[in-house]
């Protein structure tokens, strides 16, 4: 179980955090953002599933695409998703 491999997303996910766009390029970055107390959305089922999926990907049990999709779901539910990479 290696957490040193960041498992990069094919397409970054852009979310609005504290008034600025944050470009999330890997599963490791997504997990860190979801675990951060500054996560700007609710800690609801979408958030919990996104964080759990990211951790499973880092352990080698799920795909990077799964983690990206769950992060997008959580960001949409929180109203912070920006689908335009700047």
PDB file of N, CA and C in Angstrom:
ATOM      1  N   UNK A   1       0.851  -1.185   0.000  1.00  0.00           N
ATOM      2  CA  UNK A   1       0.000   0.000   0.000  1.00  0.00           C
ATOM      3  C   UNK A   1       0.888   1.237   0.000  1.00  0.00           C
ATOM      4  N   UNK A   2       1.019   1.854  -1.149  1.00  0.00           N
ATOM      5  CA  UNK A   2       1.889   3.014  -1.280  1.00  0.00           C
ATOM      6  C   UNK A   2       1.062   4.260  -1.550  1.00  0.00           C
ATOM      7  N   UNK A   3       1.248   5.259  -0.721  1.00  0.00           N
ATOM      8  CA  UNK A   3       0.562   6.533  -0.927  1.00  0.00           C
ATOM      9  C   UNK A   3       1.471   7.519  -1.647  1.00  0.00           C
ATOM     10  N   UNK A   4       2.663   7.075  -2.083  1.00  0.00           N
ATOM     11  CA  UNK A   4       3.598   7.982  -2.736  1.00  0.00           C
ATOM     12  C   UNK A   4       3.190   8.277  -4.175  1.00  0.00           C
ATOM     13  N   UNK A   5       2.470   7.365  -4.824  1.00  0.00           N
ATOM     14  CA  UNK A   5       1.989   7.575  -6.192  1.00  0.00           C
ATOM     15  C   UNK A   5       0.714   8.420  -6.142  1.00  0.00           C
ATOM     16  N   UNK A   6       0.723   9.627  -6.742  1.00  0.00           N
ATOM     17  CA  UNK A   6      -0.443  10.509  -6.623  1.00  0.00           C
ATOM     18  C   UNK A   6      -1.651  10.093  -7.464  1.00  0.00           C
ATOM     19  N   UNK A   7      -1.458   9.229  -8.467  1.00  0.00           N
ATOM     20  CA  UNK A   7      -2.542   8.789  -9.344  1.00  0.00           C
ATOM     21  C   UNK A   7      -3.258  10.002  -9.963  1.00  0.00           C
ATOM     22  N   UNK A   8      -2.640  10.520 -10.999  1.00  0.00           N
ATOM     23  CA  UNK A   8      -3.126  11.737 -11.656  1.00  0.00           C
ATOM     24  C   UNK A   8      -4.412  11.505 -12.435  1.00  0.00           C
ATOM     25  N   UNK A   9      -5.281  12.519 -12.425  1.00  0.00           N
ATOM     26  CA  UNK A   9      -6.511  12.496 -13.206  1.00  0.00           C
ATOM     27  C   UNK A   9      -6.188  12.791 -14.670  1.00  0.00           C
ATOM     28  N   UNK A  10      -6.927  12.176 -15.592  1.00  0.00           N
ATOM     29  CA  UNK A  10      -6.757  12.472 -17.018  1.00  0.00           C
ATOM     30  C   UNK A  10      -7.105  13.935 -17.290  1.00  0.00           C
ATOM     31  N   UNK A  11      -8.142  14.436 -16.604  1.00  0.00           N
ATOM     32  CA  UNK A  11      -8.556  15.833 -16.699  1.00  0.00           C
ATOM     33  C   UNK A  11      -8.694  16.370 -15.279  1.00  0.00           C
ATOM     34  N   UNK A  12      -8.027  17.472 -14.948  1.00  0.00           N
ATOM     35  CA  UNK A  12      -8.137  18.026 -13.593  1.00  0.00           C
ATOM     36  C   UNK A  12      -9.581  18.421 -13.259  1.00  0.00           C
ATOM     37  N   UNK A  13      -9.854  18.513 -11.980  1.00  0.00           N
ATOM     38  CA  UNK A  13     -11.145  18.983 -11.481  1.00  0.00           C
ATOM     39  C   UNK A  13     -10.892  20.341 -10.848  1.00  0.00           C
ATOM     40  N   UNK A  14     -11.700  21.335 -11.210  1.00  0.00           N
ATOM     41  CA  UNK A  14     -11.538  22.677 -10.657  1.00  0.00           C
ATOM     42  C   UNK A  14     -12.701  22.945  -9.700  1.00  0.00           C
ATOM     43  N   UNK A  15     -12.345  23.344  -8.477  1.00  0.00           N
ATOM     44  CA  UNK A  15     -13.359  23.661  -7.468  1.00  0.00           C
ATOM     45  C   UNK A  15     -13.054  25.027  -6.864  1.00  0.00           C
ATOM     46  N   UNK A  16     -14.076  25.667  -6.342  1.00  0.00           N
ATOM     47  CA  UNK A  16     -13.927  26.979  -5.711  1.00  0.00           C
ATOM     48  C   UNK A  16     -13.762  26.779  -4.211  1.00  0.00           C
ATOM     49  N   UNK A  17     -12.609  27.180  -3.689  1.00  0.00           N
ATOM     50  CA  UNK A  17     -12.322  27.056  -2.259  1.00  0.00           C
ATOM     51  C   UNK A  17     -11.854  28.415  -1.742  1.00  0.00           C
ATOM     52  N   UNK A  18     -12.549  28.911  -0.738  1.00  0.00           N
ATOM     53  CA  UNK A  18     -12.197  30.200  -0.134  1.00  0.00           C
ATOM     54  C   UNK A  18     -12.042  31.298  -1.174  1.00  0.00           C
ATOM     55  N   UNK A  19     -12.967  31.340  -2.133  1.00  0.00           N
ATOM     56  CA  UNK A  19     -12.991  32.401  -3.120  1.00  0.00           C
ATOM     57  C   UNK A  19     -12.018  32.280  -4.276  1.00  0.00           C
ATOM     58  N   UNK A  20     -11.343  31.142  -4.384  1.00  0.00           N
ATOM     59  CA  UNK A  20     -10.411  30.992  -5.507  1.00  0.00           C
ATOM     60  C   UNK A  20     -10.545  29.606  -6.111  1.00  0.00           C
ATOM     61  N   UNK A  21     -10.203  29.516  -7.403  1.00  0.00           N
ATOM     62  CA  UNK A  21     -10.221  28.225  -8.075  1.00  0.00           C
ATOM     63  C   UNK A  21      -9.040  27.388  -7.609  1.00  0.00           C
ATOM     64  N   UNK A  22      -9.320  26.134  -7.286  1.00  0.00           N
ATOM     65  CA  UNK A  22      -8.286  25.175  -6.921  1.00  0.00           C
ATOM     66  C   UNK A  22      -8.341  24.059  -7.957  1.00  0.00           C
ATOM     67  N   UNK A  23      -7.213  23.809  -8.609  1.00  0.00           N
ATOM     68  CA  UNK A  23      -7.123  22.769  -9.621  1.00  0.00           C
ATOM     69  C   UNK A  23      -6.626  21.492  -8.942  1.00  0.00           C
ATOM     70  N   UNK A  24      -7.470  20.466  -8.961  1.00  0.00           N
ATOM     71  CA  UNK A  24      -7.138  19.189  -8.334  1.00  0.00           C
ATOM     72  C   UNK A  24      -6.724  18.241  -9.450  1.00  0.00           C
ATOM     73  N   UNK A  25      -5.449  17.839  -9.443  1.00  0.00           N
ATOM     74  CA  UNK A  25      -4.899  17.062 -10.544  1.00  0.00           C
ATOM     75  C   UNK A  25      -4.678  15.591 -10.237  1.00  0.00           C
ATOM     76  N   UNK A  26      -4.872  15.186  -8.980  1.00  0.00           N
ATOM     77  CA  UNK A  26      -4.594  13.796  -8.631  1.00  0.00           C
ATOM     78  C   UNK A  26      -5.508  13.310  -7.516  1.00  0.00           C
ATOM     79  N   UNK A  27      -5.534  12.004  -7.343  1.00  0.00           N
ATOM     80  CA  UNK A  27      -6.318  11.405  -6.272  1.00  0.00           C
ATOM     81  C   UNK A  27      -5.769  11.844  -4.920  1.00  0.00           C
ATOM     82  N   UNK A  28      -4.451  11.935  -4.795  1.00  0.00           N
ATOM     83  CA  UNK A  28      -3.858  12.370  -3.537  1.00  0.00           C
ATOM     84  C   UNK A  28      -4.301  13.787  -3.180  1.00  0.00           C
ATOM     85  N   UNK A  29      -4.318  14.693  -4.169  1.00  0.00           N
ATOM     86  CA  UNK A  29      -4.784  16.062  -3.931  1.00  0.00           C
ATOM     87  C   UNK A  29      -6.267  16.075  -3.573  1.00  0.00           C
ATOM     88  N   UNK A  30      -7.059  15.245  -4.240  1.00  0.00           N
ATOM     89  CA  UNK A  30      -8.494  15.171  -3.954  1.00  0.00           C
ATOM     90  C   UNK A  30      -8.735  14.695  -2.526  1.00  0.00           C
ATOM     91  N   UNK A  31      -8.019  13.649  -2.116  1.00  0.00           N
ATOM     92  CA  UNK A  31      -8.170  13.127  -0.751  1.00  0.00           C
ATOM     93  C   UNK A  31      -7.799  14.190   0.275  1.00  0.00           C
ATOM     94  N   UNK A  32      -6.711  14.921   0.017  1.00  0.00           N
ATOM     95  CA  UNK A  32      -6.285  15.971   0.947  1.00  0.00           C
ATOM     96  C   UNK A  32      -7.336  17.067   1.046  1.00  0.00           C
ATOM     97  N   UNK A  33      -7.891  17.480  -0.082  1.00  0.00           N
ATOM     98  CA  UNK A  33      -8.923  18.519  -0.089  1.00  0.00           C
ATOM     99  C   UNK A  33     -10.174  18.047   0.653  1.00  0.00           C
ATOM    100  N   UNK A  34     -10.613  16.837   0.369  1.00  0.00           N
ATOM    101  CA  UNK A  34     -11.818  16.312   1.010  1.00  0.00           C
ATOM    102  C   UNK A  34     -11.638  16.139   2.517  1.00  0.00           C
ATOM    103  N   UNK A  35     -10.426  15.830   2.957  1.00  0.00           N
ATOM    104  CA  UNK A  35     -10.161  15.633   4.376  1.00  0.00           C
ATOM    105  C   UNK A  35      -9.911  16.951   5.115  1.00  0.00           C
ATOM    106  N   UNK A  36      -9.653  18.022   4.362  1.00  0.00           N
ATOM    107  CA  UNK A  36      -9.317  19.319   4.948  1.00  0.00           C
ATOM    108  C   UNK A  36     -10.538  19.943   5.621  1.00  0.00           C
ATOM    109  N   UNK A  37     -10.316  20.581   6.748  1.00  0.00           N
ATOM    110  CA  UNK A  37     -11.414  21.256   7.453  1.00  0.00           C
ATOM    111  C   UNK A  37     -11.970  22.422   6.635  1.00  0.00           C
ATOM    112  N   UNK A  38     -11.213  22.886   5.651  1.00  0.00           N
ATOM    113  CA  UNK A  38     -11.681  23.998   4.816  1.00  0.00           C
ATOM    114  C   UNK A  38     -12.556  23.545   3.651  1.00  0.00           C
ATOM    115  N   UNK A  39     -12.879  22.228   3.563  1.00  0.00           N
ATOM    116  CA  UNK A  39     -13.793  21.767   2.508  1.00  0.00           C
ATOM    117  C   UNK A  39     -15.027  22.654   2.576  1.00  0.00           C
ATOM    118  N   UNK A  40     -15.350  23.360   1.495  1.00  0.00           N
ATOM    119  CA  UNK A  40     -16.390  24.385   1.553  1.00  0.00           C
ATOM    120  C   UNK A  40     -17.825  23.872   1.479  1.00  0.00           C
ATOM    121  N   UNK A  41     -18.008  22.590   1.374  1.00  0.00           N
ATOM    122  CA  UNK A  41     -19.362  22.071   1.266  1.00  0.00           C
ATOM    123  C   UNK A  41     -19.755  21.243   2.468  1.00  0.00           C
ATOM    124  N   UNK A  42     -20.944  20.690   2.405  1.00  0.00           N
ATOM    125  CA  UNK A  42     -21.403  19.848   3.511  1.00  0.00           C
ATOM    126  C   UNK A  42     -20.640  18.529   3.544  1.00  0.00           C
ATOM    127  N   UNK A  43     -20.550  17.959   4.695  1.00  0.00           N
ATOM    128  CA  UNK A  43     -19.950  16.628   4.835  1.00  0.00           C
ATOM    129  C   UNK A  43     -21.091  15.617   4.776  1.00  0.00           C
ATOM    130  N   UNK A  44     -21.646  15.507   3.569  1.00  0.00           N
ATOM    131  CA  UNK A  44     -22.807  14.661   3.329  1.00  0.00           C
ATOM    132  C   UNK A  44     -22.378  13.329   2.718  1.00  0.00           C
ATOM    133  N   UNK A  45     -23.344  12.563   2.215  1.00  0.00           N
ATOM    134  CA  UNK A  45     -23.038  11.268   1.611  1.00  0.00           C
ATOM    135  C   UNK A  45     -22.130  11.398   0.393  1.00  0.00           C
ATOM    136  N   UNK A  46     -22.306  12.460  -0.406  1.00  0.00           N
ATOM    137  CA  UNK A  46     -21.448  12.666  -1.578  1.00  0.00           C
ATOM    138  C   UNK A  46     -19.999  12.877  -1.135  1.00  0.00           C
ATOM    139  N   UNK A  47     -19.821  13.702  -0.107  1.00  0.00           N
ATOM    140  CA  UNK A  47     -18.487  13.963   0.429  1.00  0.00           C
ATOM    141  C   UNK A  47     -17.875  12.675   0.975  1.00  0.00           C
ATOM    142  N   UNK A  48     -18.631  11.947   1.774  1.00  0.00           N
ATOM    143  CA  UNK A  48     -18.119  10.718   2.389  1.00  0.00           C
ATOM    144  C   UNK A  48     -17.727   9.690   1.336  1.00  0.00           C
ATOM    145  N   UNK A  49     -18.559   9.543   0.305  1.00  0.00           N
ATOM    146  CA  UNK A  49     -18.243   8.575  -0.745  1.00  0.00           C
ATOM    147  C   UNK A  49     -17.020   9.003  -1.539  1.00  0.00           C
ATOM    148  N   UNK A  50     -16.886  10.300  -1.793  1.00  0.00           N
ATOM    149  CA  UNK A  50     -15.718  10.795  -2.530  1.00  0.00           C
ATOM    150  C   UNK A  50     -14.440  10.528  -1.751  1.00  0.00           C
ATOM    151  N   UNK A  51     -14.441  10.835  -0.458  1.00  0.00           N
ATOM    152  CA  UNK A  51     -13.245  10.612   0.349  1.00  0.00           C
ATOM    153  C   UNK A  51     -12.926   9.125   0.449  1.00  0.00           C
ATOM    154  N   UNK A  52     -13.931   8.306   0.695  1.00  0.00           N
ATOM    155  CA  UNK A  52     -13.719   6.859   0.794  1.00  0.00           C
ATOM    156  C   UNK A  52     -13.162   6.297  -0.515  1.00  0.00           C
ATOM    157  N   UNK A  53     -13.707   6.749  -1.648  1.00  0.00           N
ATOM    158  CA  UNK A  53     -13.234   6.269  -2.947  1.00  0.00           C
ATOM    159  C   UNK A  53     -11.789   6.678  -3.187  1.00  0.00           C
ATOM    160  N   UNK A  54     -11.440   7.917  -2.857  1.00  0.00           N
ATOM    161  CA  UNK A  54     -10.047   8.366  -3.015  1.00  0.00           C
ATOM    162  C   UNK A  54      -9.098   7.494  -2.197  1.00  0.00           C
ATOM    163  N   UNK A  55      -9.468   7.204  -0.971  1.00  0.00           N
ATOM    164  CA  UNK A  55      -8.599   6.377  -0.125  1.00  0.00           C
ATOM    165  C   UNK A  55      -8.470   4.968  -0.693  1.00  0.00           C
ATOM    166  N   UNK A  56      -9.555   4.432  -1.235  1.00  0.00           N
ATOM    167  CA  UNK A  56      -9.494   3.095  -1.840  1.00  0.00           C
ATOM    168  C   UNK A  56      -8.614   3.094  -3.081  1.00  0.00           C
ATOM    169  N   UNK A  57      -8.648   4.164  -3.860  1.00  0.00           N
ATOM    170  CA  UNK A  57      -7.787   4.264  -5.036  1.00  0.00           C
ATOM    171  C   UNK A  57      -6.321   4.290  -4.604  1.00  0.00           C
ATOM    172  N   UNK A  58      -6.017   5.064  -3.587  1.00  0.00           N
ATOM    173  CA  UNK A  58      -4.636   5.145  -3.109  1.00  0.00           C
ATOM    174  C   UNK A  58      -4.138   3.804  -2.579  1.00  0.00           C
ATOM    175  N   UNK A  59      -5.062   2.965  -2.127  1.00  0.00           N
ATOM    176  CA  UNK A  59      -4.706   1.621  -1.657  1.00  0.00           C
ATOM    177  C   UNK A  59      -4.711   0.597  -2.790  1.00  0.00           C
ATOM    178  N   UNK A  60      -5.116   1.036  -3.992  1.00  0.00           N
ATOM    179  CA  UNK A  60      -5.099   0.150  -5.144  1.00  0.00           C
ATOM    180  C   UNK A  60      -6.360  -0.653  -5.375  1.00  0.00           C
ATOM    181  N   UNK A  61      -7.473  -0.240  -4.740  1.00  0.00           N
ATOM    182  CA  UNK A  61      -8.715  -1.008  -4.835  1.00  0.00           C
ATOM    183  C   UNK A  61      -9.777  -0.422  -5.757  1.00  0.00           C
ATOM    184  N   UNK A  62      -9.595   0.790  -6.241  1.00  0.00           N
ATOM    185  CA  UNK A  62     -10.556   1.423  -7.142  1.00  0.00           C
ATOM    186  C   UNK A  62      -9.769   2.158  -8.219  1.00  0.00           C
ATOM    187  N   UNK A  63     -10.486   2.638  -9.236  1.00  0.00           N
ATOM    188  CA  UNK A  63      -9.804   3.321 -10.338  1.00  0.00           C
ATOM    189  C   UNK A  63      -9.724   4.831 -10.097  1.00  0.00           C
ATOM    190  N   UNK A  64      -8.743   5.429 -10.741  1.00  0.00           N
ATOM    191  CA  UNK A  64      -8.582   6.879 -10.681  1.00  0.00           C
ATOM    192  C   UNK A  64      -9.828   7.570 -11.221  1.00  0.00           C
ATOM    193  N   UNK A  65     -10.431   6.996 -12.265  1.00  0.00           N
ATOM    194  CA  UNK A  65     -11.649   7.568 -12.847  1.00  0.00           C
ATOM    195  C   UNK A  65     -12.793   7.573 -11.837  1.00  0.00           C
ATOM    196  N   UNK A  66     -12.885   6.511 -11.014  1.00  0.00           N
ATOM    197  CA  UNK A  66     -13.914   6.464  -9.966  1.00  0.00           C
ATOM    198  C   UNK A  66     -13.738   7.630  -8.993  1.00  0.00           C
ATOM    199  N   UNK A  67     -12.494   7.864  -8.584  1.00  0.00           N
ATOM    200  CA  UNK A  67     -12.225   8.940  -7.634  1.00  0.00           C
ATOM    201  C   UNK A  67     -12.577  10.294  -8.232  1.00  0.00           C
ATOM    202  N   UNK A  68     -12.217  10.507  -9.490  1.00  0.00           N
ATOM    203  CA  UNK A  68     -12.531  11.783 -10.133  1.00  0.00           C
ATOM    204  C   UNK A  68     -14.036  11.995 -10.200  1.00  0.00           C
ATOM    205  N   UNK A  69     -14.765  10.959 -10.590  1.00  0.00           N
ATOM    206  CA  UNK A  69     -16.228  11.061 -10.700  1.00  0.00           C
ATOM    207  C   UNK A  69     -16.865  11.370  -9.347  1.00  0.00           C
ATOM    208  N   UNK A  70     -16.387  10.729  -8.288  1.00  0.00           N
ATOM    209  CA  UNK A  70     -16.952  10.972  -6.954  1.00  0.00           C
ATOM    210  C   UNK A  70     -16.594  12.370  -6.454  1.00  0.00           C
ATOM    211  N   UNK A  71     -15.387  12.867  -6.790  1.00  0.00           N
ATOM    212  CA  UNK A  71     -15.023  14.238  -6.422  1.00  0.00           C
ATOM    213  C   UNK A  71     -15.943  15.225  -7.127  1.00  0.00           C
ATOM    214  N   UNK A  72     -16.200  15.005  -8.404  1.00  0.00           N
ATOM    215  CA  UNK A  72     -17.110  15.884  -9.149  1.00  0.00           C
ATOM    216  C   UNK A  72     -18.504  15.845  -8.515  1.00  0.00           C
ATOM    217  N   UNK A  73     -18.981  14.650  -8.155  1.00  0.00           N
ATOM    218  CA  UNK A  73     -20.296  14.539  -7.499  1.00  0.00           C
ATOM    219  C   UNK A  73     -20.337  15.379  -6.216  1.00  0.00           C
ATOM    220  N   UNK A  74     -19.296  15.263  -5.398  1.00  0.00           N
ATOM    221  CA  UNK A  74     -19.249  16.001  -4.136  1.00  0.00           C
ATOM    222  C   UNK A  74     -19.177  17.507  -4.381  1.00  0.00           C
ATOM    223  N   UNK A  75     -18.389  17.906  -5.371  1.00  0.00           N
ATOM    224  CA  UNK A  75     -18.263  19.328  -5.690  1.00  0.00           C
ATOM    225  C   UNK A  75     -19.570  19.893  -6.238  1.00  0.00           C
ATOM    226  N   UNK A  76     -20.255  19.121  -7.080  1.00  0.00           N
ATOM    227  CA  UNK A  76     -21.560  19.555  -7.590  1.00  0.00           C
ATOM    228  C   UNK A  76     -22.559  19.706  -6.445  1.00  0.00           C
ATOM    229  N   UNK A  77     -22.595  18.733  -5.541  1.00  0.00           N
ATOM    230  CA  UNK A  77     -23.515  18.772  -4.406  1.00  0.00           C
ATOM    231  C   UNK A  77     -23.225  19.974  -3.506  1.00  0.00           C
ATOM    232  N   UNK A  78     -21.945  20.343  -3.418  1.00  0.00           N
ATOM    233  CA  UNK A  78     -21.536  21.473  -2.582  1.00  0.00           C
ATOM    234  C   UNK A  78     -21.662  22.814  -3.301  1.00  0.00           C
ATOM    235  N   UNK A  79     -21.929  22.772  -4.606  1.00  0.00           N
ATOM    236  CA  UNK A  79     -22.049  24.003  -5.382  1.00  0.00           C
ATOM    237  C   UNK A  79     -20.723  24.688  -5.651  1.00  0.00           C
ATOM    238  N   UNK A  80     -19.633  23.910  -5.706  1.00  0.00           N
ATOM    239  CA  UNK A  80     -18.299  24.509  -5.887  1.00  0.00           C
ATOM    240  C   UNK A  80     -17.588  24.003  -7.135  1.00  0.00           C
ATOM    241  N   UNK A  81     -18.282  23.246  -7.972  1.00  0.00           N
ATOM    242  CA  UNK A  81     -17.644  22.662  -9.160  1.00  0.00           C
ATOM    243  C   UNK A  81     -17.546  23.696 -10.266  1.00  0.00           C
ATOM    244  N   UNK A  82     -16.363  23.767 -10.879  1.00  0.00           N
ATOM    245  CA  UNK A  82     -16.142  24.646 -12.033  1.00  0.00           C
ATOM    246  C   UNK A  82     -15.550  23.762 -13.136  1.00  0.00           C
ATOM    247  N   UNK A  83     -16.302  23.517 -14.192  1.00  0.00           N
ATOM    248  CA  UNK A  83     -15.864  22.580 -15.213  1.00  0.00           C
ATOM    249  C   UNK A  83     -14.933  23.193 -16.249  1.00  0.00           C
ATOM    250  N   UNK A  84     -14.499  24.415 -16.021  1.00  0.00           N
ATOM    251  CA  UNK A  84     -13.589  25.073 -16.956  1.00  0.00           C
ATOM    252  C   UNK A  84     -12.206  25.173 -16.313  1.00  0.00           C
ATOM    253  N   UNK A  85     -11.238  24.485 -16.897  1.00  0.00           N
ATOM    254  CA  UNK A  85      -9.866  24.597 -16.417  1.00  0.00           C
ATOM    255  C   UNK A  85      -9.282  25.884 -16.963  1.00  0.00           C
ATOM    256  N   UNK A  86      -8.800  26.735 -16.094  1.00  0.00           N
ATOM    257  CA  UNK A  86      -8.264  28.037 -16.508  1.00  0.00           C
ATOM    258  C   UNK A  86      -6.771  27.951 -16.715  1.00  0.00           C
TER     259      UNK A  86
END
